Amino acid sequence: QVQLVESGGGWVQAGGSLRLSCTASGRTFSTYAMAWFRQAPGKEREFVVAINFSGSSTYYTDSVKGRFTISRDTAKNTVYLQMNSLKPEDKAVYYCAKAKYGNIFNSRVPETYDLWGQGTQVTVSS
């Protein structure tokens, strides 16, 4: 069974850090771009960041630039999201997603992705 499993969410005070992990099982995803999205209560799912198949190219939404870092470990079939200087507005359920392509293309569009994880909750208190 092919699936993505996120972990690493939790509660943190504003200014703190968390590292999310997304591990793919059932097949290798080394030839596909990956991304993180998030969804806050009452809001639509929004794009956070994407990384291409090799890890050489990334694309961040403006609100997380300089605070979040995406990376991938092909050997472990895992994508990471290091989140620093967290703010209350970062509170959301975070989802990882597998793109249909290897390169970053239409990254903000959910239809670009054909496999999603179940999500992990991130709570940031002020």
Protein backbone atom coordinates (compact mmCIF):
# COMPACT_ATOMS: atom_id res chain seq x y z
CA GLN A 1 0.00 0.00 0.00
CA VAL A 2 1.44 3.33 -1.08
CA GLN A 3 1.11 6.01 1.52
CA LEU A 4 2.64 9.12 3.08
CA VAL A 5 2.88 9.35 6.84
CA GLU A 6 3.58 12.65 8.60
CA SER A 7 4.98 12.97 12.09
CA GLY A 8 6.58 15.55 14.33
CA GLY A 9 3.66 17.83 15.00
CA GLY A 10 2.88 19.07 18.47
CA TRP A 11 2.52 22.08 20.69
CA VAL A 12 5.11 24.82 20.93
CA GLN A 13 5.26 28.36 22.22
CA ALA A 14 5.65 31.24 19.81
CA GLY A 15 9.26 31.55 18.74
CA GLY A 16 9.86 27.84 19.13
CA SER A 17 10.73 25.17 16.59
CA LEU A 18 9.39 21.89 15.29
CA ARG A 19 10.56 19.48 12.62
CA LEU A 20 7.98 17.61 10.62
CA SER A 21 8.75 14.41 8.76
CA CYS A 22 6.92 12.77 5.89
CA THR A 23 7.91 9.21 5.11
CA ALA A 24 6.75 7.44 2.01
CA SER A 25 6.12 3.74 2.08
CA GLY A 26 5.19 1.25 -0.55
CA ARG A 27 7.35 2.76 -3.28
CA THR A 28 10.14 5.24 -3.80
CA PHE A 29 9.29 8.86 -4.42
CA SER A 30 12.78 9.97 -5.34
CA THR A 31 11.71 10.97 -8.85
CA TYR A 32 8.86 13.23 -7.75
CA ALA A 33 8.60 16.69 -6.30
CA MET A 34 7.10 16.87 -2.82
CA ALA A 35 5.34 19.62 -0.94
CA TRP A 36 3.88 20.68 2.36
CA PHE A 37 0.46 22.28 2.68
CA ARG A 38 -1.39 23.39 5.78
CA GLN A 39 -4.97 23.97 6.78
CA ALA A 40 -6.09 26.10 9.68
CA PRO A 41 -9.57 25.75 11.20
CA GLY A 42 -12.19 27.35 8.98
CA LYS A 43 -9.71 28.06 6.20
CA GLU A 44 -8.82 26.46 2.90
CA ARG A 45 -5.76 24.29 2.54
CA GLU A 46 -2.81 26.48 1.58
CA PHE A 47 0.54 25.81 -0.01
CA VAL A 48 3.61 26.13 2.21
CA VAL A 49 6.65 24.87 0.32
CA ALA A 50 7.75 22.49 -2.44
CA ILE A 51 10.98 20.70 -3.29
CA ASN A 52 11.97 19.13 -6.56
CA PHE A 53 12.94 15.50 -7.00
CA SER A 54 16.65 16.06 -6.39
CA GLY A 55 16.34 18.61 -3.63
CA SER A 56 18.18 21.20 -5.69
CA SER A 57 15.21 23.53 -6.06
CA THR A 58 12.69 24.77 -3.53
CA TYR A 59 9.79 27.19 -3.54
CA TYR A 60 8.35 28.80 -0.42
CA THR A 61 5.25 30.81 0.20
CA ASP A 62 6.17 34.31 1.36
CA SER A 63 4.85 33.96 4.90
CA VAL A 64 7.34 31.23 5.82
CA LYS A 65 10.45 32.37 3.93
CA GLY A 66 13.43 32.60 6.23
CA ARG A 67 11.69 30.59 8.94
CA PHE A 68 10.89 27.21 7.36
CA THR A 69 13.26 24.89 5.52
CA ILE A 70 12.30 21.90 3.43
CA SER A 71 14.72 19.07 2.72
CA ARG A 72 14.61 15.48 1.59
CA ASP A 73 16.57 12.32 2.26
CA THR A 74 16.20 10.05 -0.72
CA ALA A 75 17.75 7.07 1.04
CA LYS A 76 15.13 7.30 3.76
CA ASN A 77 12.31 8.21 1.38
CA THR A 78 11.57 11.09 3.72
CA VAL A 79 10.87 14.79 3.37
CA TYR A 80 11.40 17.17 6.27
CA LEU A 81 10.04 20.56 7.21
CA GLN A 82 12.11 22.43 9.76
CA MET A 83 9.99 25.19 11.25
CA ASN A 84 11.69 27.90 13.29
CA SER A 85 10.43 31.13 14.83
CA LEU A 86 6.93 29.74 14.85
CA LYS A 87 4.03 32.15 15.12
CA PRO A 88 0.46 31.61 16.32
CA GLU A 89 -0.70 32.02 12.71
CA ASP A 90 1.32 28.92 11.78
CA LYS A 91 -1.11 26.81 13.76
CA ALA A 92 -2.68 24.31 11.38
CA VAL A 93 -2.79 20.71 10.28
CA TYR A 94 0.21 20.16 8.04
CA TYR A 95 0.00 17.77 5.10
CA CYS A 96 2.71 16.43 2.85
CA ALA A 97 1.92 15.65 -0.75
CA LYS A 98 3.54 13.88 -3.67
CA ALA A 99 3.55 15.73 -6.98
CA LYS A 100 2.76 14.19 -10.33
CA TYR A 101 6.02 15.63 -11.65
CA GLY A 102 9.70 15.67 -10.76
CA ASN A 103 10.18 19.40 -11.03
CA ILE A 104 8.40 22.22 -9.27
CA PHE A 105 5.46 23.12 -11.48
CA ASN A 106 2.17 24.70 -10.45
CA SER A 107 3.24 24.02 -6.88
CA ARG A 108 0.45 26.01 -5.27
CA VAL A 109 -2.28 24.04 -7.03
CA PRO A 110 -3.55 21.03 -5.04
CA GLU A 111 -4.38 19.21 -8.29
CA THR A 112 -0.63 19.02 -8.95
CA TYR A 113 -0.43 16.35 -6.26
CA ASP A 114 -1.81 12.82 -6.43
CA LEU A 115 -1.02 11.46 -2.99
CA TRP A 116 -1.53 13.08 0.40
CA GLY A 117 -0.68 12.18 3.96
CA GLN A 118 -3.16 12.18 6.80
CA GLY A 119 -1.79 15.35 8.35
CA THR A 120 -0.11 16.28 11.60
CA GLN A 121 -1.31 19.00 13.96
CA VAL A 122 0.91 21.96 14.80
CA THR A 123 -0.23 24.23 17.61
CA VAL A 124 1.59 27.46 18.45
CA SER A 125 0.61 29.38 21.55
CA SER A 126 1.27 33.06 22.07
